[in-house]
N, C-alpha and C. Protein backbone atom coordinates (compact mmCIF):
# COMPACT_ATOMS: atom_id res chain seq x y z
N UNK A 1 70.45 116.88 115.89
CA UNK A 1 71.65 116.84 115.09
C UNK A 1 72.24 118.23 115.04
N UNK A 2 73.54 118.33 115.23
CA UNK A 2 74.23 119.60 115.23
C UNK A 2 74.77 119.86 113.83
N UNK A 3 74.45 121.03 113.31
CA UNK A 3 74.94 121.41 111.98
C UNK A 3 76.24 122.18 112.10
N UNK A 4 77.03 122.16 111.08
CA UNK A 4 78.28 122.90 111.07
C UNK A 4 78.16 123.96 109.99
N UNK A 5 78.50 125.19 110.36
CA UNK A 5 78.46 126.30 109.43
C UNK A 5 79.88 126.81 109.25
N UNK A 6 80.29 126.99 108.04
CA UNK A 6 81.61 127.53 107.75
C UNK A 6 81.47 129.01 107.48
N UNK A 7 82.31 129.80 108.13
CA UNK A 7 82.28 131.25 107.96
C UNK A 7 83.65 131.67 107.43
N UNK A 8 83.65 132.36 106.31
CA UNK A 8 84.89 132.88 105.75
C UNK A 8 85.00 134.35 106.14
N UNK A 9 86.09 134.71 106.80
CA UNK A 9 86.30 136.08 107.25
C UNK A 9 87.43 136.67 106.43
N UNK A 10 87.17 137.86 105.88
CA UNK A 10 88.13 138.48 104.99
C UNK A 10 88.93 139.60 105.63
N UNK A 11 88.55 140.05 106.82
CA UNK A 11 89.30 141.12 107.48
C UNK A 11 89.05 141.05 108.98
N UNK A 12 89.92 141.71 109.75
CA UNK A 12 89.78 141.75 111.20
C UNK A 12 88.49 142.48 111.56
N UNK A 13 88.15 143.56 110.82
CA UNK A 13 86.91 144.29 111.08
C UNK A 13 85.70 143.37 110.92
N UNK A 14 85.70 142.55 109.90
CA UNK A 14 84.60 141.63 109.67
C UNK A 14 84.53 140.60 110.79
N UNK A 15 85.68 140.14 111.27
CA UNK A 15 85.72 139.19 112.37
C UNK A 15 85.10 139.81 113.62
N UNK A 16 85.42 141.08 113.90
CA UNK A 16 84.84 141.76 115.06
C UNK A 16 83.33 141.85 114.93
N UNK A 17 82.82 142.09 113.72
CA UNK A 17 81.39 142.17 113.49
C UNK A 17 80.71 140.84 113.74
N UNK A 18 81.40 139.74 113.53
CA UNK A 18 80.81 138.41 113.63
C UNK A 18 81.00 137.77 115.00
N UNK A 19 81.50 138.51 115.97
CA UNK A 19 81.79 137.95 117.28
C UNK A 19 80.60 137.19 117.86
N UNK A 20 79.38 137.72 117.71
CA UNK A 20 78.22 137.08 118.30
C UNK A 20 77.40 136.28 117.31
N UNK A 21 77.93 135.99 116.14
CA UNK A 21 77.20 135.20 115.16
C UNK A 21 77.05 133.78 115.69
N UNK A 22 75.85 133.25 115.60
CA UNK A 22 75.60 131.89 116.04
C UNK A 22 75.13 131.07 114.86
N UNK A 23 75.70 129.92 114.59
CA UNK A 23 75.25 129.09 113.49
C UNK A 23 73.83 128.58 113.69
N UNK A 24 73.24 128.12 112.61
CA UNK A 24 71.92 127.50 112.61
C UNK A 24 70.80 128.46 113.01
N UNK A 25 71.00 129.75 112.74
CA UNK A 25 69.91 130.71 112.89
C UNK A 25 69.63 131.18 114.31
N UNK A 26 70.45 130.83 115.27
CA UNK A 26 70.22 131.31 116.64
C UNK A 26 70.75 132.74 116.70
N UNK A 27 69.92 133.67 117.10
CA UNK A 27 70.30 135.08 117.11
C UNK A 27 71.09 135.46 118.34
N UNK A 28 71.65 136.68 118.31
CA UNK A 28 72.44 137.19 119.42
C UNK A 28 71.59 137.29 120.69
N UNK A 29 70.34 137.70 120.55
CA UNK A 29 69.48 137.85 121.73
C UNK A 29 69.32 136.50 122.43
N UNK A 30 69.12 135.43 121.68
CA UNK A 30 68.98 134.10 122.29
C UNK A 30 70.28 133.70 122.97
N UNK A 31 71.41 134.01 122.33
CA UNK A 31 72.70 133.66 122.93
C UNK A 31 72.90 134.45 124.22
N UNK A 32 72.57 135.74 124.23
CA UNK A 32 72.72 136.55 125.43
C UNK A 32 71.85 136.00 126.55
N UNK A 33 70.61 135.67 126.23
CA UNK A 33 69.68 135.15 127.22
C UNK A 33 70.19 133.82 127.79
N UNK A 34 70.63 132.92 126.91
CA UNK A 34 71.15 131.63 127.35
C UNK A 34 72.39 131.82 128.23
N UNK A 35 73.29 132.70 127.82
CA UNK A 35 74.51 132.95 128.58
C UNK A 35 74.17 133.48 129.97
N UNK A 36 73.27 134.43 130.04
CA UNK A 36 72.88 134.99 131.34
C UNK A 36 72.24 133.94 132.23
N UNK A 37 71.43 133.09 131.67
CA UNK A 37 70.77 132.02 132.44
C UNK A 37 71.80 131.04 132.99
N UNK A 38 72.73 130.62 132.15
CA UNK A 38 73.75 129.66 132.57
C UNK A 38 74.66 130.28 133.63
N UNK A 39 75.12 131.51 133.40
CA UNK A 39 76.00 132.18 134.36
C UNK A 39 75.28 132.38 135.68
N UNK A 40 74.02 132.75 135.62
CA UNK A 40 73.23 132.93 136.84
C UNK A 40 73.17 131.64 137.65
N UNK A 41 72.93 130.52 136.99
CA UNK A 41 72.85 129.25 137.72
C UNK A 41 74.21 128.83 138.27
N UNK A 42 75.29 129.14 137.55
CA UNK A 42 76.63 128.83 138.06
C UNK A 42 77.00 129.73 139.25
N UNK A 43 76.51 130.96 139.22
CA UNK A 43 76.84 131.92 140.28
C UNK A 43 76.06 131.68 141.56
N UNK A 44 74.89 131.07 141.47
CA UNK A 44 73.99 130.95 142.62
C UNK A 44 74.63 130.30 143.86
N UNK A 45 75.34 129.17 143.72
CA UNK A 45 75.95 128.59 144.92
C UNK A 45 76.99 129.50 145.58
N UNK A 46 77.73 130.26 144.77
CA UNK A 46 78.72 131.19 145.32
C UNK A 46 78.00 132.31 146.07
N UNK A 47 76.96 132.85 145.43
CA UNK A 47 76.19 133.91 146.05
C UNK A 47 75.64 133.47 147.41
N UNK A 48 75.04 132.29 147.43
CA UNK A 48 74.45 131.77 148.67
C UNK A 48 75.51 131.58 149.75
N UNK A 49 76.67 131.05 149.37
CA UNK A 49 77.72 130.81 150.38
C UNK A 49 78.28 132.11 150.95
N UNK A 50 78.18 133.20 150.18
CA UNK A 50 78.70 134.49 150.63
C UNK A 50 77.60 135.40 151.20
N UNK A 51 76.36 134.91 151.23
CA UNK A 51 75.26 135.73 151.74
C UNK A 51 74.90 136.89 150.82
N UNK A 52 75.08 136.69 149.53
CA UNK A 52 74.81 137.75 148.54
C UNK A 52 73.59 137.40 147.70
N UNK A 53 73.08 138.39 146.99
CA UNK A 53 72.00 138.15 146.03
C UNK A 53 72.41 138.74 144.68
N UNK A 54 71.96 138.10 143.62
CA UNK A 54 72.18 138.61 142.27
C UNK A 54 71.04 139.55 141.94
N UNK A 55 71.38 140.82 141.73
CA UNK A 55 70.37 141.84 141.42
C UNK A 55 70.08 141.84 139.93
N UNK A 56 71.14 141.80 139.13
CA UNK A 56 70.97 141.85 137.68
C UNK A 56 72.21 141.28 137.02
N UNK A 57 72.04 140.89 135.77
CA UNK A 57 73.16 140.36 134.98
C UNK A 57 72.99 140.88 133.56
N UNK A 58 74.09 141.33 132.97
CA UNK A 58 74.09 141.85 131.61
C UNK A 58 75.21 141.18 130.84
N UNK A 59 74.96 140.87 129.59
CA UNK A 59 75.98 140.33 128.71
C UNK A 59 75.83 141.00 127.36
N UNK A 60 76.88 141.65 126.91
CA UNK A 60 76.81 142.35 125.63
C UNK A 60 78.18 142.65 125.08
N UNK A 61 78.16 143.23 123.93
CA UNK A 61 79.40 143.51 123.21
C UNK A 61 79.83 144.95 123.44
N UNK A 62 81.12 145.13 123.67
CA UNK A 62 81.73 146.45 123.77
C UNK A 62 82.96 146.39 122.87
N UNK A 63 82.86 147.00 121.70
CA UNK A 63 83.94 146.89 120.72
C UNK A 63 84.04 145.45 120.24
N UNK A 64 85.24 144.96 120.07
CA UNK A 64 85.39 143.60 119.55
C UNK A 64 85.19 142.51 120.61
N UNK A 65 85.16 142.89 121.88
CA UNK A 65 85.03 141.91 122.95
C UNK A 65 83.65 142.02 123.61
N UNK A 66 83.40 141.10 124.51
CA UNK A 66 82.15 141.08 125.25
C UNK A 66 82.40 141.46 126.70
N UNK A 67 81.33 141.89 127.36
CA UNK A 67 81.40 142.22 128.78
C UNK A 67 80.27 141.49 129.49
N UNK A 68 80.63 140.79 130.54
CA UNK A 68 79.66 140.13 131.41
C UNK A 68 79.65 140.92 132.71
N UNK A 69 78.50 141.55 133.02
CA UNK A 69 78.37 142.36 134.23
C UNK A 69 77.38 141.71 135.17
N UNK A 70 77.79 141.57 136.41
CA UNK A 70 76.91 141.06 137.45
C UNK A 70 76.82 142.12 138.54
N UNK A 71 75.60 142.41 138.96
CA UNK A 71 75.35 143.36 140.03
C UNK A 71 74.88 142.57 141.24
N UNK A 72 75.62 142.69 142.34
CA UNK A 72 75.33 141.91 143.54
C UNK A 72 75.02 142.85 144.70
N UNK A 73 74.32 142.32 145.69
CA UNK A 73 73.97 143.12 146.86
C UNK A 73 73.80 142.19 148.04
N UNK A 74 73.72 142.78 149.23
CA UNK A 74 73.40 142.05 150.45
C UNK A 74 72.81 143.04 151.43
N UNK A 75 72.18 142.52 152.45
CA UNK A 75 71.60 143.37 153.48
C UNK A 75 72.72 144.23 154.07
N UNK A 76 72.52 145.52 154.14
CA UNK A 76 73.54 146.43 154.65
C UNK A 76 74.47 146.94 153.58
N UNK A 77 74.36 146.43 152.37
CA UNK A 77 75.17 146.90 151.25
C UNK A 77 76.39 146.03 150.99
N UNK A 78 76.80 146.00 149.75
CA UNK A 78 77.93 145.20 149.34
C UNK A 78 79.20 146.05 149.37
N UNK A 79 80.31 145.44 149.74
CA UNK A 79 81.58 146.15 149.83
C UNK A 79 82.50 145.71 148.69
N UNK A 80 83.56 146.45 148.47
CA UNK A 80 84.52 146.15 147.42
C UNK A 80 85.11 144.75 147.58
N UNK A 81 85.40 144.36 148.82
CA UNK A 81 85.95 143.02 149.07
C UNK A 81 84.97 141.92 148.66
N UNK A 82 83.67 142.15 148.86
CA UNK A 82 82.65 141.19 148.44
C UNK A 82 82.69 141.01 146.93
N UNK A 83 82.76 142.13 146.21
CA UNK A 83 82.80 142.09 144.75
C UNK A 83 84.05 141.36 144.26
N UNK A 84 85.18 141.66 144.87
CA UNK A 84 86.44 141.05 144.45
C UNK A 84 86.44 139.54 144.71
N UNK A 85 85.99 139.13 145.89
CA UNK A 85 85.97 137.70 146.22
C UNK A 85 85.00 136.95 145.30
N UNK A 86 83.81 137.51 145.09
CA UNK A 86 82.83 136.87 144.22
C UNK A 86 83.37 136.78 142.79
N UNK A 87 84.00 137.84 142.32
CA UNK A 87 84.57 137.86 140.97
C UNK A 87 85.63 136.76 140.80
N UNK A 88 86.51 136.62 141.79
CA UNK A 88 87.56 135.58 141.72
C UNK A 88 86.95 134.19 141.64
N UNK A 89 85.98 133.92 142.51
CA UNK A 89 85.37 132.58 142.54
C UNK A 89 84.58 132.28 141.28
N UNK A 90 83.80 133.25 140.81
CA UNK A 90 83.01 133.04 139.60
C UNK A 90 83.91 132.89 138.38
N UNK A 91 84.97 133.66 138.32
CA UNK A 91 85.90 133.60 137.20
C UNK A 91 86.49 132.20 137.05
N UNK A 92 86.85 131.59 138.17
CA UNK A 92 87.40 130.22 138.13
C UNK A 92 86.39 129.24 137.55
N UNK A 93 85.15 129.35 137.98
CA UNK A 93 84.10 128.44 137.48
C UNK A 93 83.83 128.68 136.00
N UNK A 94 83.76 129.95 135.60
CA UNK A 94 83.50 130.25 134.19
C UNK A 94 84.63 129.74 133.30
N UNK A 95 85.87 129.81 133.79
CA UNK A 95 87.00 129.28 133.01
C UNK A 95 86.90 127.77 132.85
N UNK A 96 86.52 127.08 133.90
CA UNK A 96 86.41 125.62 133.85
C UNK A 96 85.22 125.20 132.98
N UNK A 97 84.08 125.84 133.16
CA UNK A 97 82.87 125.47 132.42
C UNK A 97 82.90 125.94 130.97
N UNK A 98 83.73 126.94 130.66
CA UNK A 98 83.88 127.47 129.30
C UNK A 98 82.52 127.83 128.68
N UNK A 99 81.74 128.62 129.42
CA UNK A 99 80.38 129.00 129.02
C UNK A 99 80.39 130.02 127.88
N UNK A 100 81.34 130.93 127.90
CA UNK A 100 81.37 132.03 126.94
C UNK A 100 82.49 131.77 125.94
N UNK A 101 82.09 131.66 124.67
CA UNK A 101 83.02 131.24 123.62
C UNK A 101 83.80 132.39 123.00
N UNK A 102 83.62 133.62 123.47
CA UNK A 102 84.33 134.78 122.93
C UNK A 102 85.16 135.42 124.03
N UNK A 103 86.10 136.30 123.65
CA UNK A 103 86.84 137.06 124.65
C UNK A 103 85.86 137.95 125.39
N UNK A 104 85.98 138.00 126.71
CA UNK A 104 85.08 138.84 127.49
C UNK A 104 85.77 139.33 128.74
N UNK A 105 85.21 140.40 129.30
CA UNK A 105 85.65 140.93 130.59
C UNK A 105 84.55 140.65 131.59
N UNK A 106 84.93 140.28 132.79
CA UNK A 106 83.98 140.05 133.87
C UNK A 106 84.01 141.27 134.79
N UNK A 107 82.84 141.87 134.99
CA UNK A 107 82.72 143.01 135.89
C UNK A 107 81.69 142.68 136.96
N UNK A 108 82.05 142.92 138.21
CA UNK A 108 81.14 142.68 139.33
C UNK A 108 81.08 143.97 140.14
N UNK A 109 79.86 144.43 140.41
CA UNK A 109 79.72 145.66 141.19
C UNK A 109 78.42 145.66 141.97
N UNK A 110 78.28 146.68 142.80
CA UNK A 110 77.02 146.88 143.51
C UNK A 110 76.02 147.48 142.52
N UNK A 111 74.74 147.39 142.82
CA UNK A 111 73.75 147.97 141.92
C UNK A 111 73.70 149.49 141.99
N UNK A 112 74.35 150.10 142.96
CA UNK A 112 74.37 151.54 143.07
C UNK A 112 73.18 152.09 143.84
N UNK A 113 73.16 153.40 143.98
CA UNK A 113 72.09 154.07 144.73
C UNK A 113 70.75 153.97 144.02
N UNK A 114 70.79 153.84 142.69
CA UNK A 114 69.55 153.74 141.91
C UNK A 114 69.26 152.28 141.56
N UNK A 115 69.39 151.43 142.54
CA UNK A 115 69.23 149.98 142.39
C UNK A 115 67.94 149.64 141.66
N UNK A 116 68.02 148.76 140.67
CA UNK A 116 66.79 148.35 139.98
C UNK A 116 65.94 147.45 140.87
N UNK A 117 64.64 147.51 140.65
CA UNK A 117 63.69 146.63 141.33
C UNK A 117 63.23 145.62 140.30
N UNK A 118 63.54 144.35 140.51
CA UNK A 118 63.25 143.32 139.52
C UNK A 118 62.34 142.21 140.04
N UNK A 119 62.52 141.85 141.31
CA UNK A 119 61.81 140.69 141.87
C UNK A 119 60.81 141.13 142.94
N UNK A 120 59.89 140.25 143.27
CA UNK A 120 58.93 140.52 144.33
C UNK A 120 59.67 140.91 145.62
N UNK A 121 60.75 140.20 145.93
CA UNK A 121 61.49 140.49 147.16
C UNK A 121 62.09 141.90 147.16
N UNK A 122 62.44 142.43 145.98
CA UNK A 122 62.93 143.81 145.90
C UNK A 122 61.84 144.79 146.31
N UNK A 123 60.65 144.57 145.78
CA UNK A 123 59.53 145.46 146.10
C UNK A 123 59.16 145.35 147.58
N UNK A 124 59.22 144.14 148.14
CA UNK A 124 58.92 143.96 149.56
C UNK A 124 59.96 144.66 150.43
N UNK A 125 61.21 144.52 150.07
CA UNK A 125 62.33 145.06 150.85
C UNK A 125 62.34 146.59 150.89
N UNK A 126 61.89 147.22 149.80
CA UNK A 126 62.04 148.68 149.70
C UNK A 126 60.71 149.44 149.84
N UNK A 127 59.73 148.84 150.49
CA UNK A 127 58.47 149.55 150.78
C UNK A 127 58.81 150.80 151.59
N UNK A 128 58.20 151.92 151.21
CA UNK A 128 58.45 153.19 151.90
C UNK A 128 59.55 154.02 151.29
N UNK A 129 60.30 153.45 150.36
CA UNK A 129 61.39 154.18 149.71
C UNK A 129 60.90 154.89 148.45
N UNK A 130 61.61 155.95 148.07
CA UNK A 130 61.31 156.69 146.85
C UNK A 130 61.77 155.88 145.65
N UNK A 131 60.86 155.68 144.69
CA UNK A 131 61.21 154.92 143.48
C UNK A 131 60.74 155.67 142.24
N UNK A 132 61.34 155.30 141.11
CA UNK A 132 60.90 155.80 139.81
C UNK A 132 60.51 154.60 138.98
N UNK A 133 59.33 154.67 138.37
CA UNK A 133 58.83 153.60 137.51
C UNK A 133 58.58 154.19 136.13
N UNK A 134 59.12 153.51 135.12
CA UNK A 134 58.84 153.89 133.73
C UNK A 134 58.03 152.76 133.11
N UNK A 135 56.96 153.13 132.39
CA UNK A 135 56.11 152.13 131.76
C UNK A 135 56.39 152.07 130.26
N UNK A 136 56.00 150.96 129.64
CA UNK A 136 56.22 150.78 128.21
C UNK A 136 55.42 151.77 127.38
N UNK A 137 54.24 152.10 127.86
CA UNK A 137 53.39 153.04 127.14
C UNK A 137 52.70 153.92 128.17
N UNK A 138 52.15 155.06 127.75
CA UNK A 138 51.47 155.93 128.73
C UNK A 138 50.39 155.17 129.50
N UNK A 139 50.32 155.46 130.78
CA UNK A 139 49.43 154.76 131.69
C UNK A 139 48.79 155.78 132.61
N UNK A 140 47.58 155.56 133.03
CA UNK A 140 46.87 156.50 133.89
C UNK A 140 47.23 156.29 135.36
N UNK A 141 47.51 157.43 136.06
CA UNK A 141 47.61 157.31 137.51
C UNK A 141 46.18 157.30 138.05
N UNK A 142 46.01 157.19 139.35
CA UNK A 142 44.66 157.05 139.92
C UNK A 142 43.84 158.34 139.86
N UNK A 143 44.47 159.47 139.47
CA UNK A 143 43.73 160.73 139.28
C UNK A 143 43.37 160.95 137.82
N UNK A 144 43.74 160.01 136.93
CA UNK A 144 43.39 160.13 135.53
C UNK A 144 44.44 160.80 134.66
N UNK A 145 45.62 161.11 135.21
CA UNK A 145 46.69 161.73 134.43
C UNK A 145 47.47 160.66 133.68
N UNK A 146 47.64 160.85 132.39
CA UNK A 146 48.35 159.88 131.56
C UNK A 146 49.85 160.21 131.58
N UNK A 147 50.66 159.20 131.86
CA UNK A 147 52.11 159.41 131.92
C UNK A 147 52.86 158.09 131.73
N UNK A 148 54.17 158.21 131.46
CA UNK A 148 55.03 157.04 131.34
C UNK A 148 56.03 156.95 132.50
N UNK A 149 56.22 158.03 133.23
CA UNK A 149 57.17 158.06 134.35
C UNK A 149 56.43 158.42 135.62
N UNK A 150 56.65 157.60 136.65
CA UNK A 150 55.99 157.77 137.94
C UNK A 150 57.08 157.88 139.02
N UNK A 151 57.00 158.90 139.87
CA UNK A 151 57.97 159.09 140.94
C UNK A 151 57.20 159.19 142.25
N UNK A 152 57.54 158.35 143.22
CA UNK A 152 56.85 158.40 144.50
C UNK A 152 57.31 157.31 145.45
N UNK A 153 56.66 157.23 146.58
CA UNK A 153 56.97 156.23 147.62
C UNK A 153 56.30 154.91 147.27
N UNK A 154 57.08 153.85 147.33
CA UNK A 154 56.57 152.51 147.08
C UNK A 154 55.73 152.06 148.26
N UNK A 155 54.51 151.62 147.98
CA UNK A 155 53.68 151.06 149.05
C UNK A 155 53.56 149.55 148.94
N UNK A 156 54.03 148.98 147.82
CA UNK A 156 54.09 147.53 147.71
C UNK A 156 53.83 147.01 146.31
N UNK A 157 54.04 145.72 146.15
CA UNK A 157 53.69 144.99 144.93
C UNK A 157 52.68 143.94 145.38
N UNK A 158 51.42 144.16 145.03
CA UNK A 158 50.33 143.30 145.49
C UNK A 158 49.60 142.73 144.28
N UNK A 159 49.54 141.40 144.21
CA UNK A 159 48.84 140.71 143.13
C UNK A 159 49.30 141.19 141.75
N UNK A 160 50.60 141.39 141.59
CA UNK A 160 51.15 141.79 140.30
C UNK A 160 50.96 143.25 139.96
N UNK A 161 50.62 144.08 140.95
CA UNK A 161 50.41 145.51 140.72
C UNK A 161 51.33 146.32 141.64
N UNK A 162 52.14 147.21 141.04
CA UNK A 162 53.02 148.10 141.81
C UNK A 162 52.15 149.24 142.32
N UNK A 163 52.14 149.41 143.63
CA UNK A 163 51.36 150.47 144.26
C UNK A 163 52.32 151.51 144.82
N UNK A 164 52.00 152.79 144.54
CA UNK A 164 52.87 153.86 145.03
C UNK A 164 52.07 155.13 145.27
N UNK A 165 52.58 155.96 146.19
CA UNK A 165 52.03 157.29 146.43
C UNK A 165 52.97 158.27 145.75
N UNK A 166 52.46 158.95 144.74
CA UNK A 166 53.29 159.83 143.93
C UNK A 166 53.68 161.09 144.69
N UNK A 167 54.76 161.72 144.27
CA UNK A 167 55.25 162.93 144.95
C UNK A 167 54.24 164.07 144.89
N UNK A 168 53.34 164.05 143.87
CA UNK A 168 52.31 165.09 143.76
C UNK A 168 51.13 164.82 144.70
N UNK A 169 51.09 163.67 145.36
CA UNK A 169 50.05 163.37 146.33
C UNK A 169 49.09 162.28 145.91
N UNK A 170 48.85 162.10 144.61
CA UNK A 170 47.92 161.04 144.18
C UNK A 170 48.63 159.68 144.23
N UNK A 171 47.86 158.65 144.00
CA UNK A 171 48.41 157.30 144.00
C UNK A 171 48.45 156.74 142.59
N UNK A 172 49.20 155.66 142.42
CA UNK A 172 49.26 154.97 141.14
C UNK A 172 49.29 153.47 141.41
N UNK A 173 48.61 152.74 140.55
CA UNK A 173 48.59 151.28 140.60
C UNK A 173 48.96 150.80 139.21
N UNK A 174 50.16 150.26 139.07
CA UNK A 174 50.70 149.92 137.75
C UNK A 174 50.90 148.41 137.66
N UNK A 175 50.23 147.75 136.73
CA UNK A 175 50.46 146.31 136.55
C UNK A 175 51.93 146.05 136.22
N UNK A 176 52.53 145.06 136.86
CA UNK A 176 53.95 144.79 136.70
C UNK A 176 54.35 144.54 135.25
N UNK A 177 53.44 143.97 134.44
CA UNK A 177 53.78 143.72 133.04
C UNK A 177 53.86 145.00 132.23
N UNK A 178 53.38 146.14 132.78
CA UNK A 178 53.49 147.44 132.12
C UNK A 178 54.79 148.15 132.49
N UNK A 179 55.53 147.64 133.48
CA UNK A 179 56.74 148.29 133.97
C UNK A 179 57.93 147.95 133.06
N UNK A 180 58.47 149.00 132.42
CA UNK A 180 59.66 148.83 131.60
C UNK A 180 60.90 148.85 132.48
N UNK A 181 60.89 149.72 133.50
CA UNK A 181 62.03 149.84 134.40
C UNK A 181 61.54 150.44 135.71
N UNK A 182 62.03 149.90 136.81
CA UNK A 182 61.74 150.44 138.14
C UNK A 182 63.03 150.46 138.93
N UNK A 183 63.29 151.57 139.60
CA UNK A 183 64.51 151.65 140.38
C UNK A 183 64.34 152.61 141.56
N UNK A 184 65.21 152.42 142.56
CA UNK A 184 65.23 153.33 143.70
C UNK A 184 65.73 154.69 143.23
N UNK A 185 65.29 155.72 143.89
CA UNK A 185 65.77 157.07 143.64
C UNK A 185 66.50 157.54 144.90
N UNK A 186 67.58 158.26 144.71
CA UNK A 186 68.37 158.77 145.83
C UNK A 186 67.58 159.86 146.56
N UNK A 187 67.53 159.76 147.89
CA UNK A 187 66.84 160.75 148.70
C UNK A 187 67.85 161.48 149.58
N UNK A 188 67.72 162.78 149.66
CA UNK A 188 68.59 163.57 150.54
C UNK A 188 68.04 163.63 151.93
């Protein structure tokens, strides 16, 4: 059963504050997660038809409006025309499906030189590249040094463990569930 909640707004500022309010106790985080999941599934057929992959998706508030950001890539790198075409096609679908109930801007871009590593295929694709890994809490490298940031060459993701040779020469084996963020680092 769907409940109806009445919200009385007394000013424009208060309305802006309530942009992401969800009735029946559903929080903003749940709404963001649901929105990203739905948009991702709607985007998948477009991505596949264009030979693209979805690297990451973000949905959040910027001032009174929302921003939906999609980061796309393909083998050899994504071009401006790829972003523009994907944006046009996805925008049409989002308008028809009416997934996002607030004013929002759609942004589509490449993941950049510091591309995040999120999936097994990312780790497989970038073996041998310089990466930076940040962990949720201090973690020991294979020489016994405790740290939260690891910089080195990726040797792989094996059985849920990120393996890398650090720039100082030692190795590190970091369980994927300990990884807060992993991304490529620009090399000269």
